[in-house]
Structure formats: structure tokens, C-alpha cells
PDB file of N, CA and C in Angstrom:
ATOM      1  N   MET A   1      -4.101  -8.634   1.361  1.00  0.00           N
ATOM      2  CA  MET A   1      -3.411  -8.621   2.419  1.00  0.00           C
ATOM      3  C   MET A   1      -2.465  -8.199   2.586  1.00  0.00           C
ATOM      4  N   PHE A   2      -1.859  -6.808   3.271  1.00  0.00           N
ATOM      5  CA  PHE A   2      -1.048  -6.699   3.782  1.00  0.00           C
ATOM      6  C   PHE A   2      -0.916  -6.387   5.310  1.00  0.00           C
ATOM      7  N   ARG A   3       0.117  -7.527   6.357  1.00  0.00           N
ATOM      8  CA  ARG A   3       0.362  -7.436   7.463  1.00  0.00           C
ATOM      9  C   ARG A   3       2.061  -6.844   7.729  1.00  0.00           C
ATOM     10  N   LEU A   4       1.823  -5.775   9.496  1.00  0.00           N
ATOM     11  CA  LEU A   4       3.325  -5.265   9.374  1.00  0.00           C
ATOM     12  C   LEU A   4       2.620  -6.073  10.874  1.00  0.00           C
ATOM     13  N   TRP A   5       3.992  -6.537  11.211  1.00  0.00           N
ATOM     14  CA  TRP A   5       4.000  -6.917  12.896  1.00  0.00           C
ATOM     15  C   TRP A   5       5.518  -5.986  13.304  1.00  0.00           C
ATOM     16  N   GLY A   6       5.038  -4.918  14.628  1.00  0.00           N
ATOM     17  CA  GLY A   6       5.434  -4.097  15.192  1.00  0.00           C
ATOM     18  C   GLY A   6       6.153  -4.945  16.314  1.00  0.00           C
ATOM     19  N   ARG A   7       6.914  -5.157  16.629  1.00  0.00           N
ATOM     20  CA  ARG A   7       7.729  -5.187  18.489  1.00  0.00           C
ATOM     21  C   ARG A   7       8.915  -4.494  19.082  1.00  0.00           C
ATOM     22  N   ILE A   8       8.521  -4.377  20.003  1.00  0.00           N
ATOM     23  CA  ILE A   8       9.359  -3.822  21.071  1.00  0.00           C
ATOM     24  C   ILE A   8      10.459  -4.475  22.291  1.00  0.00           C
ATOM     25  N   TRP A   9      12.002  -4.573  21.441  1.00  0.00           N
ATOM     26  CA  TRP A   9      13.136  -5.008  21.911  1.00  0.00           C
ATOM     27  C   TRP A   9      13.581  -4.087  23.512  1.00  0.00           C
ATOM     28  N   LYS A  10      14.241  -5.412  24.481  1.00  0.00           N
ATOM     29  CA  LYS A  10      15.080  -4.577  25.525  1.00  0.00           C
ATOM     30  C   LYS A  10      15.485  -5.637  25.930  1.00  0.00           C
ATOM     31  N   ASN A  11      16.874  -5.405  26.010  1.00  0.00           N
ATOM     32  CA  ASN A  11      17.704  -6.691  26.458  1.00  0.00           C
ATOM     33  C   ASN A  11      17.506  -7.811  25.776  1.00  0.00           C
ATOM     34  N   ASN A  12      17.288  -7.627  24.555  1.00  0.00           N
ATOM     35  CA  ASN A  12      17.510  -9.439  23.543  1.00  0.00           C
ATOM     36  C   ASN A  12      15.702 -10.106  24.421  1.00  0.00           C
ATOM     37  N   HIS A  13      15.637  -8.970  24.899  1.00  0.00           N
ATOM     38  CA  HIS A  13      13.838  -9.827  24.980  1.00  0.00           C
ATOM     39  C   HIS A  13      12.883  -9.086  24.380  1.00  0.00           C
ATOM     40  N   MET A  14      11.480  -9.251  23.962  1.00  0.00           N
ATOM     41  CA  MET A  14      10.576  -9.297  23.160  1.00  0.00           C
ATOM     42  C   MET A  14       9.702  -8.453  24.396  1.00  0.00           C
ATOM     43  N   LEU A  15       9.189  -7.275  24.317  1.00  0.00           N
ATOM     44  CA  LEU A  15       8.336  -6.865  25.172  1.00  0.00           C
ATOM     45  C   LEU A  15       7.302  -6.517  24.803  1.00  0.00           C
ATOM     46  N   LYS A  16       6.664  -6.737  23.841  1.00  0.00           N
ATOM     47  CA  LYS A  16       5.505  -6.247  23.325  1.00  0.00           C
ATOM     48  C   LYS A  16       5.388  -6.404  22.003  1.00  0.00           C
ATOM     49  N   ASP A  17       4.616  -6.694  21.232  1.00  0.00           N
ATOM     50  CA  ASP A  17       4.380  -6.906  19.690  1.00  0.00           C
ATOM     51  C   ASP A  17       2.558  -6.758  19.307  1.00  0.00           C
ATOM     52  N   THR A  18       2.393  -6.267  17.881  1.00  0.00           N
ATOM     53  CA  THR A  18       1.537  -5.901  17.680  1.00  0.00           C
ATOM     54  C   THR A  18       1.719  -6.742  16.112  1.00  0.00           C
ATOM     55  N   VAL A  19       0.332  -6.850  15.500  1.00  0.00           N
ATOM     56  CA  VAL A  19       0.184  -6.801  14.015  1.00  0.00           C
ATOM     57  C   VAL A  19      -0.672  -6.071  13.666  1.00  0.00           C
ATOM     58  N   ILE A  20      -0.528  -5.682  12.532  1.00  0.00           N
ATOM     59  CA  ILE A  20      -1.523  -4.280  11.730  1.00  0.00           C
ATOM     60  C   ILE A  20      -1.841  -5.164  10.733  1.00  0.00           C
ATOM     61  N   CYS A  21      -3.562  -5.562  10.388  1.00  0.00           N
ATOM     62  CA  CYS A  21      -3.568  -5.720   8.623  1.00  0.00           C
ATOM     63  C   CYS A  21      -4.091  -4.340   8.034  1.00  0.00           C
ATOM     64  N   ASP A  22      -3.722  -4.289   7.018  1.00  0.00           N
ATOM     65  CA  ASP A  22      -4.327  -3.377   6.318  1.00  0.00           C
ATOM     66  C   ASP A  22      -4.720  -3.748   4.635  1.00  0.00           C
ATOM     67  N   ASP A  23      -6.192  -3.777   4.154  1.00  0.00           N
ATOM     68  CA  ASP A  23      -6.406  -5.028   3.436  1.00  0.00           C
ATOM     69  C   ASP A  23      -6.653  -3.386   1.929  1.00  0.00           C
ATOM     70  N   ARG A  24      -6.754  -1.928   2.123  1.00  0.00           N
ATOM     71  CA  ARG A  24      -7.402  -1.264   1.451  1.00  0.00           C
ATOM     72  C   ARG A  24      -6.341  -1.507   0.629  1.00  0.00           C
ATOM     73  N   GLN A  25      -6.529  -0.765  -0.775  1.00  0.00           N
ATOM     74  CA  GLN A  25      -6.090  -0.288  -2.205  1.00  0.00           C
ATOM     75  C   GLN A  25      -5.452   1.034  -1.983  1.00  0.00           C
ATOM     76  N   ASP A  26      -4.010   0.505  -1.362  1.00  0.00           N
ATOM     77  CA  ASP A  26      -3.364   2.175  -1.886  1.00  0.00           C
ATOM     78  C   ASP A  26      -2.035   1.213  -2.247  1.00  0.00           C
ATOM     79  N   THR A  27      -0.830   2.366  -2.172  1.00  0.00           N
ATOM     80  CA  THR A  27       0.527   2.016  -2.464  1.00  0.00           C
ATOM     81  C   THR A  27       1.329   1.106  -0.950  1.00  0.00           C
ATOM     82  N   ARG A  28       2.147   0.196  -1.798  1.00  0.00           N
ATOM     83  CA  ARG A  28       2.791  -0.566  -0.371  1.00  0.00           C
ATOM     84  C   ARG A  28       3.589   0.516   0.358  1.00  0.00           C
ATOM     85  N   THR A  29       3.842   1.671   0.163  1.00  0.00           N
ATOM     86  CA  THR A  29       4.273   2.724   0.691  1.00  0.00           C
ATOM     87  C   THR A  29       3.698   3.524   1.758  1.00  0.00           C
ATOM     88  N   HIS A  30       2.328   3.106   1.576  1.00  0.00           N
ATOM     89  CA  HIS A  30       1.050   3.849   1.980  1.00  0.00           C
ATOM     90  C   HIS A  30       0.749   3.060   3.534  1.00  0.00           C
ATOM     91  N   LYS A  31       0.574   2.086   2.451  1.00  0.00           N
ATOM     92  CA  LYS A  31       0.782   0.964   3.694  1.00  0.00           C
ATOM     93  C   LYS A  31       1.329   1.065   4.748  1.00  0.00           C
ATOM     94  N   VAL A  32       2.889   0.939   4.542  1.00  0.00           N
ATOM     95  CA  VAL A  32       3.678   0.607   5.397  1.00  0.00           C
ATOM     96  C   VAL A  32       3.641   2.058   6.572  1.00  0.00           C
ATOM     97  N   PHE A  33       2.881   2.947   5.777  1.00  0.00           N
ATOM     98  CA  PHE A  33       3.127   4.533   6.701  1.00  0.00           C
ATOM     99  C   PHE A  33       2.411   4.002   7.954  1.00  0.00           C
ATOM    100  N   HIS A  34       0.945   3.997   7.135  1.00  0.00           N
ATOM    101  CA  HIS A  34      -0.350   3.253   8.335  1.00  0.00           C
ATOM    102  C   HIS A  34      -0.431   2.288   8.475  1.00  0.00           C
ATOM    103  N   CYS A  35       0.346   1.544   8.242  1.00  0.00           N
ATOM    104  CA  CYS A  35       0.460   0.107   9.317  1.00  0.00           C
ATOM    105  C   CYS A  35       1.718   0.970  10.637  1.00  0.00           C
ATOM    106  N   LEU A  36       2.559   1.548  10.221  1.00  0.00           N
ATOM    107  CA  LEU A  36       3.333   1.959  11.471  1.00  0.00           C
ATOM    108  C   LEU A  36       2.718   3.026  12.312  1.00  0.00           C
ATOM    109  N   GLU A  37       1.991   3.682  11.709  1.00  0.00           N
ATOM    110  CA  GLU A  37       1.315   4.457  12.369  1.00  0.00           C
ATOM    111  C   GLU A  37       0.094   4.221  13.601  1.00  0.00           C
ATOM    112  N   GLN A  38      -0.216   3.404  13.068  1.00  0.00           N
ATOM    113  CA  GLN A  38      -1.236   2.421  13.743  1.00  0.00           C
ATOM    114  C   GLN A  38       0.103   1.717  15.126  1.00  0.00           C
ATOM    115  N   ILE A  39       0.364   0.802  14.725  1.00  0.00           N
ATOM    116  CA  ILE A  39       1.488   0.419  15.930  1.00  0.00           C
ATOM    117  C   ILE A  39       1.740   1.335  16.661  1.00  0.00           C
ATOM    118  N   CYS A  40       2.441   2.297  16.288  1.00  0.00           N
ATOM    119  CA  CYS A  40       2.522   3.118  17.332  1.00  0.00           C
ATOM    120  C   CYS A  40       1.387   3.562  18.330  1.00  0.00           C
ATOM    121  N   TYR A  41       0.058   3.465  17.548  1.00  0.00           N
ATOM    122  CA  TYR A  41      -0.562   4.168  18.691  1.00  0.00           C
ATOM    123  C   TYR A  41      -1.074   3.255  19.317  1.00  0.00           C
ATOM    124  N   GLU A  42      -1.125   1.529  18.689  1.00  0.00           N
ATOM    125  CA  GLU A  42      -1.305   0.412  19.828  1.00  0.00           C
ATOM    126  C   GLU A  42      -0.105   0.643  21.015  1.00  0.00           C
ATOM    127  N   LEU A  43       1.036   0.724  20.634  1.00  0.00           N
ATOM    128  CA  LEU A  43       2.013   0.481  21.352  1.00  0.00           C
ATOM    129  C   LEU A  43       2.255   1.735  22.504  1.00  0.00           C
ATOM    130  N   ASP A  44       1.532   2.904  22.081  1.00  0.00           N
ATOM    131  CA  ASP A  44       1.596   3.844  22.851  1.00  0.00           C
ATOM    132  C   ASP A  44       2.911   4.851  22.751  1.00  0.00           C
ATOM    133  N   LEU A  45       3.204   4.854  22.013  1.00  0.00           N
ATOM    134  CA  LEU A  45       4.539   5.509  21.273  1.00  0.00           C
ATOM    135  C   LEU A  45       4.755   6.487  20.146  1.00  0.00           C
ATOM    136  N   GLY A  46       5.702   7.693  19.777  1.00  0.00           N
ATOM    137  CA  GLY A  46       5.368   8.787  18.931  1.00  0.00           C
ATOM    138  C   GLY A  46       5.758   7.877  17.804  1.00  0.00           C
ATOM    139  N   ASN A  47       5.394   8.995  16.650  1.00  0.00           N
ATOM    140  CA  ASN A  47       6.279   7.936  15.585  1.00  0.00           C
ATOM    141  C   ASN A  47       7.366   8.257  15.191  1.00  0.00           C
ATOM    142  N   PRO A  48       8.010   7.107  14.458  1.00  0.00           N
ATOM    143  CA  PRO A  48       9.644   7.449  14.409  1.00  0.00           C
ATOM    144  C   PRO A  48       9.936   8.390  13.616  1.00  0.00           C
ATOM    145  N   ILE A  49      11.156   8.606  13.345  1.00  0.00           N
ATOM    146  CA  ILE A  49      11.894   9.477  12.453  1.00  0.00           C
ATOM    147  C   ILE A  49      12.374   8.300  11.094  1.00  0.00           C
ATOM    148  N   TRP A  50      12.180   8.490   9.337  1.00  0.00           N
ATOM    149  CA  TRP A  50      12.630   7.093   8.808  1.00  0.00           C
ATOM    150  C   TRP A  50      14.576   8.198   8.654  1.00  0.00           C
ATOM    151  N   LEU A  51      15.243   7.684   9.198  1.00  0.00           N
ATOM    152  CA  LEU A  51      16.636   7.958   9.285  1.00  0.00           C
ATOM    153  C   LEU A  51      16.812   7.154   7.658  1.00  0.00           C
ATOM    154  N   ASP A  52      18.350   7.351   6.950  1.00  0.00           N
ATOM    155  CA  ASP A  52      18.690   7.123   5.563  1.00  0.00           C
ATOM    156  C   ASP A  52      19.018   5.475   5.546  1.00  0.00           C
ATOM    157  N   THR A  53      19.234   5.206   7.008  1.00  0.00           N
ATOM    158  CA  THR A  53      19.992   3.753   7.241  1.00  0.00           C
ATOM    159  C   THR A  53      18.287   2.873   7.562  1.00  0.00           C
ATOM    160  N   THR A  54      17.664   3.333   7.617  1.00  0.00           N
ATOM    161  CA  THR A  54      16.380   2.458   8.732  1.00  0.00           C
ATOM    162  C   THR A  54      15.753   2.663   7.368  1.00  0.00           C
ATOM    163  N   VAL A  55      15.327   3.818   6.247  1.00  0.00           N
ATOM    164  CA  VAL A  55      15.304   3.323   4.839  1.00  0.00           C
ATOM    165  C   VAL A  55      15.688   2.039   4.256  1.00  0.00           C
ATOM    166  N   ARG A  56      16.990   2.700   4.006  1.00  0.00           N
ATOM    167  CA  ARG A  56      17.719   1.368   3.331  1.00  0.00           C
ATOM    168  C   ARG A  56      17.627  -0.271   3.662  1.00  0.00           C
ATOM    169  N   ASP A  57      17.181  -0.545   5.344  1.00  0.00           N
ATOM    170  CA  ASP A  57      17.345  -1.732   5.921  1.00  0.00           C
ATOM    171  C   ASP A  57      16.229  -1.876   5.186  1.00  0.00           C
ATOM    172  N   PHE A  58      14.908  -1.346   5.117  1.00  0.00           N
ATOM    173  CA  PHE A  58      13.622  -1.408   4.690  1.00  0.00           C
ATOM    174  C   PHE A  58      13.542  -1.986   3.596  1.00  0.00           C
ATOM    175  N   LYS A  59      13.915  -1.152   2.897  1.00  0.00           N
ATOM    176  CA  LYS A  59      14.103  -1.879   1.080  1.00  0.00           C
ATOM    177  C   LYS A  59      14.720  -2.629   0.616  1.00  0.00           C
ATOM    178  N   LYS A  60      16.185  -3.662   1.503  1.00  0.00           N
ATOM    179  CA  LYS A  60      16.664  -4.643   1.220  1.00  0.00           C
ATOM    180  C   LYS A  60      16.249  -5.678   2.220  1.00  0.00           C
ATOM    181  N   HIS A  61      15.609  -5.343   3.019  1.00  0.00           N
ATOM    182  CA  HIS A  61      15.405  -6.612   4.083  1.00  0.00           C
ATOM    183  C   HIS A  61      13.414  -6.408   4.182  1.00  0.00           C
ATOM    184  N   SER A  62      12.743  -5.681   4.345  1.00  0.00           N
ATOM    185  CA  SER A  62      11.055  -5.512   4.615  1.00  0.00           C
ATOM    186  C   SER A  62      11.336  -6.016   5.866  1.00  0.00           C
ATOM    187  N   LYS A  63      12.185  -5.107   6.794  1.00  0.00           N
ATOM    188  CA  LYS A  63      12.780  -5.309   8.353  1.00  0.00           C
ATOM    189  C   LYS A  63      13.042  -3.891   8.543  1.00  0.00           C
ATOM    190  N   ALA A  64      12.946  -3.354   9.858  1.00  0.00           N
ATOM    191  CA  ALA A  64      13.850  -2.412  10.124  1.00  0.00           C
ATOM    192  C   ALA A  64      13.600  -2.080  11.415  1.00  0.00           C
ATOM    193  N   ARG A  65      14.397  -1.193  11.947  1.00  0.00           N
ATOM    194  CA  ARG A  65      14.807  -1.214  13.599  1.00  0.00           C
ATOM    195  C   ARG A  65      14.545   0.632  13.618  1.00  0.00           C
ATOM    196  N   PHE A  66      13.857   0.806  14.496  1.00  0.00           N
ATOM    197  CA  PHE A  66      14.111   2.117  15.019  1.00  0.00           C
ATOM    198  C   PHE A  66      15.061   2.546  16.490  1.00  0.00           C
ATOM    199  N   TYR A  67      15.551   3.448  16.463  1.00  0.00           N
ATOM    200  CA  TYR A  67      16.468   2.888  17.511  1.00  0.00           C
ATOM    201  C   TYR A  67      16.293   4.614  18.482  1.00  0.00           C
ATOM    202  N   GLN A  68      16.550   4.789  19.688  1.00  0.00           N
ATOM    203  CA  GLN A  68      16.468   6.180  20.203  1.00  0.00           C
ATOM    204  C   GLN A  68      16.727   7.245  19.686  1.00  0.00           C
ATOM    205  N   ASP A  69      17.754   7.077  18.209  1.00  0.00           N
ATOM    206  CA  ASP A  69      18.283   8.569  17.442  1.00  0.00           C
ATOM    207  C   ASP A  69      16.761   8.436  16.154  1.00  0.00           C
ATOM    208  N   ASN A  70      15.740   7.350  16.009  1.00  0.00           N
ATOM    209  CA  ASN A  70      14.753   7.824  15.092  1.00  0.00           C
ATOM    210  C   ASN A  70      13.472   8.485  15.842  1.00  0.00           C
ATOM    211  N   PHE A  71      13.629   8.368  17.494  1.00  0.00           N
ATOM    212  CA  PHE A  71      12.257   8.748  18.344  1.00  0.00           C
ATOM    213  C   PHE A  71      12.653  10.463  18.974  1.00  0.00           C
ATOM    214  N   ILE A  72      11.677  11.514  18.518  1.00  0.00           N
ATOM    215  CA  ILE A  72      11.844  12.578  19.240  1.00  0.00           C
ATOM    216  C   ILE A  72      12.037  12.511  20.900  1.00  0.00           C
ATOM    217  N   GLU A  73      10.985  12.162  21.291  1.00  0.00           N
ATOM    218  CA  GLU A  73      10.795  11.326  22.894  1.00  0.00           C
ATOM    219  C   GLU A  73      11.765   9.989  23.637  1.00  0.00           C
ATOM    220  N   GLU A  74      12.020  10.469  24.272  1.00  0.00           N
ATOM    221  CA  GLU A  74      13.127   9.443  24.709  1.00  0.00           C
ATOM    222  C   GLU A  74      12.250   7.620  25.381  1.00  0.00           C
ATOM    223  N   ILE A  75      12.734   6.823  24.929  1.00  0.00           N
ATOM    224  CA  ILE A  75      12.396   5.380  24.974  1.00  0.00           C
ATOM    225  C   ILE A  75      13.114   4.846  25.995  1.00  0.00           C
ATOM    226  N   ASP A  76      12.034   3.806  26.448  1.00  0.00           N
ATOM    227  CA  ASP A  76      12.597   3.158  27.127  1.00  0.00           C
ATOM    228  C   ASP A  76      12.755   1.244  27.024  1.00  0.00           C
ATOM    229  N   PHE A  77      13.211   1.162  25.907  1.00  0.00           N
ATOM    230  CA  PHE A  77      13.360  -0.185  25.461  1.00  0.00           C
ATOM    231  C   PHE A  77      14.943   0.198  24.660  1.00  0.00           C
ATOM    232  N   ASP A  78      14.982  -0.933  23.857  1.00  0.00           N
ATOM    233  CA  ASP A  78      16.053  -0.539  22.677  1.00  0.00           C
ATOM    234  C   ASP A  78      15.912  -0.263  21.545  1.00  0.00           C
ATOM    235  N   TYR A  79      14.751  -1.110  20.603  1.00  0.00           N
ATOM    236  CA  TYR A  79      14.753  -0.614  19.963  1.00  0.00           C
ATOM    237  C   TYR A  79      12.963  -0.975  19.454  1.00  0.00           C
ATOM    238  N   LEU A  80      12.470  -0.302  18.243  1.00  0.00           N
ATOM    239  CA  LEU A  80      11.066  -0.790  17.670  1.00  0.00           C
ATOM    240  C   LEU A  80      11.561  -1.331  16.246  1.00  0.00           C
ATOM    241  N   GLU A  81      11.103  -2.358  16.032  1.00  0.00           N
ATOM    242  CA  GLU A  81      11.298  -3.429  15.279  1.00  0.00           C
ATOM    243  C   GLU A  81       9.869  -3.675  14.243  1.00  0.00           C
ATOM    244  N   ILE A  82       9.657  -3.297  13.086  1.00  0.00           N
ATOM    245  CA  ILE A  82       8.780  -3.339  12.150  1.00  0.00           C
ATOM    246  C   ILE A  82       9.248  -4.748  11.070  1.00  0.00           C
ATOM    247  N   GLN A  83       8.281  -5.390  10.669  1.00  0.00           N
ATOM    248  CA  GLN A  83       8.976  -6.293   9.303  1.00  0.00           C
ATOM    249  C   GLN A  83       7.260  -6.304   9.104  1.00  0.00           C
ATOM    250  N   VAL A  84       7.756  -6.977   7.703  1.00  0.00           N
ATOM    251  CA  VAL A  84       6.633  -7.109   6.863  1.00  0.00           C
ATOM    252  C   VAL A  84       6.228  -8.735   6.799  1.00  0.00           C
ATOM    253  N   ILE A  85       4.841  -9.241   7.464  1.00  0.00           N
ATOM    254  CA  ILE A  85       4.672 -10.717   7.341  1.00  0.00           C
ATOM    255  C   ILE A  85       3.993 -11.268   5.959  1.00  0.00           C
ATOM    256  N   GLU A  86       3.745 -10.191   5.745  1.00  0.00           N
ATOM    257  CA  GLU A  86       2.491 -10.516   4.343  1.00  0.00           C
ATOM    258  C   GLU A  86       2.534  -9.279   3.515  1.00  0.00           C
ATOM    259  N   GLU A  87       2.251  -9.679   2.366  1.00  0.00           N
ATOM    260  CA  GLU A  87       2.408  -9.030   1.298  1.00  0.00           C
ATOM    261  C   GLU A  87       1.190  -9.358   0.090  1.00  0.00           C
ATOM    262  N   ASP A  88       0.145  -9.269  -0.603  1.00  0.00           N
ATOM    263  CA  ASP A  88      -0.563  -9.392  -1.670  1.00  0.00           C
ATOM    264  C   ASP A  88       0.268  -8.897  -2.891  1.00  0.00           C
TER     265      ASP A  88
END
């Protein structure tokens, strides 16, 4: 089972969160992209763009933050944070 936790933060307060589970037989990268797409759908957000710093942080910590620079449209929060909480 692969689980990804998505949280929206503003002023150091978590506004919304959701956990997406993915038990398909697929690569880790595909699972991350699929779960992130589902998180954005549930939180009513556009899909963010993966910048080099975002990719580097995710590879190092299994956690990434998507700021205004990662989104095409204007966002009304500080950042979207994703974190892998379970991998098999």
C-alpha cells in the first residue's frame, strides 16, 4: 500500500488535509503523480508544476512543498505540502 498525505497551510495553520491510498502495481513515481492528482482534485486545486527544488526536496525527504511559483493560478494559501506516509 502506498499512501500520500496532502495538506494546505496558511499562516502556520493547516487548513485542509487528505490522504490518498494507491495499491496498484506501478512505479513509485507513477503512484506519486496519481496520488497528487487525486489530492488536488479533492482539495479543488489545479495540478502544481514540479520545479527542480521541489523534486530535489521530495527525493531527499519524501516530502515536498508547492508554493505560488508551482501553480499557474492564484492560490489563497501559503503552500500545499505532500508527504509519503506509507510505502510497501
